[in-house]
Amino acid sequence: RVNAVNPGYIQGEPIQKAFEVRGRARGLRTEEIEAEIVAQTALGYIPGPDEIAGSVVFLCSELSRPVTGHVLDCNSGMWM
């Protein structure tokens, strides 16, 4: 079996720092940059590392036994 996880943005310190840099460049607050990104998702939030890890665990488990050749987008519906 060959599968992959395509996470997109992952909530945490590194992405918050990236939002700060983008905010400074555009003259916006970090919260405004994050809100712009969140607004692009179908589920209305940026998933955390534990949620991404859960998707990986699923693909490594017997629950995904019939799945192969799949890229699992784990991005709260940013790309569909």
Protein backbone atom coordinates (compact mmCIF):
# COMPACT_ATOMS: atom_id res chain seq x y z
CA ARG A 1 0.00 0.00 0.00
CA VAL A 2 1.14 3.50 -0.80
CA ASN A 3 -0.70 6.48 0.68
CA ALA A 4 0.19 10.01 1.72
CA VAL A 5 -1.07 12.79 3.97
CA ASN A 6 -1.21 16.35 2.61
CA PRO A 7 -1.65 18.49 5.74
CA GLY A 8 -1.73 22.13 4.64
CA TYR A 9 -1.58 24.58 7.56
CA ILE A 10 -1.02 23.04 11.01
CA GLN A 11 -1.88 25.07 14.11
CA GLY A 12 1.13 25.75 16.32
CA GLU A 13 4.05 28.06 17.00
CA PRO A 14 5.68 27.90 13.54
CA ILE A 15 2.52 28.93 11.70
CA GLN A 16 1.78 31.66 14.24
CA LYS A 17 5.24 33.11 13.59
CA ALA A 18 4.56 32.97 9.84
CA PHE A 19 1.27 34.81 10.40
CA GLU A 20 3.15 37.46 12.42
CA VAL A 21 5.62 38.00 9.56
CA ARG A 22 2.80 38.23 7.00
CA GLY A 23 0.92 40.61 9.26
CA ARG A 24 3.88 42.93 9.67
CA ALA A 25 4.46 42.92 5.89
CA ARG A 26 0.83 43.86 5.25
CA GLY A 27 0.27 46.12 8.27
CA LEU A 28 -2.24 43.69 9.82
CA ARG A 29 -2.51 41.95 13.16
CA THR A 30 -1.62 38.27 13.41
CA GLU A 31 -5.26 37.49 14.23
CA GLU A 32 -6.40 39.13 11.00
CA ILE A 33 -4.01 37.02 8.93
CA GLU A 34 -5.17 33.85 10.70
CA ALA A 35 -8.81 34.83 10.17
CA GLU A 36 -8.16 35.21 6.42
CA ILE A 37 -6.72 31.68 6.28
CA VAL A 38 -9.48 30.18 8.43
CA ALA A 39 -12.09 31.81 6.16
CA GLN A 40 -10.67 29.76 3.27
CA THR A 41 -11.47 26.45 5.02
CA ALA A 42 -14.76 24.60 4.81
CA LEU A 43 -14.63 23.61 8.49
CA GLY A 44 -13.63 27.05 9.81
CA TYR A 45 -10.41 26.22 11.62
CA ILE A 46 -6.77 25.20 11.24
CA PRO A 47 -6.19 21.64 12.45
CA GLY A 48 -3.66 20.89 15.17
CA PRO A 49 -0.78 18.43 15.03
CA ASP A 50 -2.73 15.75 16.92
CA GLU A 51 -5.44 15.77 14.28
CA ILE A 52 -2.89 15.36 11.49
CA ALA A 53 -1.22 12.57 13.45
CA GLY A 54 -4.59 10.83 13.80
CA SER A 55 -4.94 10.78 10.04
CA VAL A 56 -1.49 9.23 9.72
CA VAL A 57 -2.37 6.63 12.37
CA PHE A 58 -5.52 5.77 10.40
CA LEU A 59 -3.51 5.20 7.23
CA CYS A 60 -1.04 3.04 9.17
CA SER A 61 -3.80 0.98 10.77
CA GLU A 62 -5.76 -2.00 9.52
CA LEU A 63 -8.79 0.31 9.19
CA SER A 64 -7.23 1.60 5.98
CA ARG A 65 -6.43 -1.86 4.65
CA PRO A 66 -8.42 -1.39 1.40
CA VAL A 67 -6.95 2.07 0.76
CA THR A 68 -4.00 2.50 -1.60
CA GLY A 69 -2.76 5.17 -3.97
CA HIS A 70 -4.55 7.87 -2.02
CA VAL A 71 -3.48 11.34 -0.88
CA LEU A 72 -5.50 12.33 2.19
CA ASP A 73 -5.96 16.09 2.41
CA CYS A 74 -5.99 17.07 6.10
CA ASN A 75 -6.59 20.79 5.82
CA SER A 76 -10.09 21.48 7.15
CA GLY A 77 -11.35 21.67 3.59
CA MET A 78 -9.02 24.38 2.32
CA TRP A 79 -8.47 22.33 -0.85
CA MET A 80 -11.24 20.06 -2.06
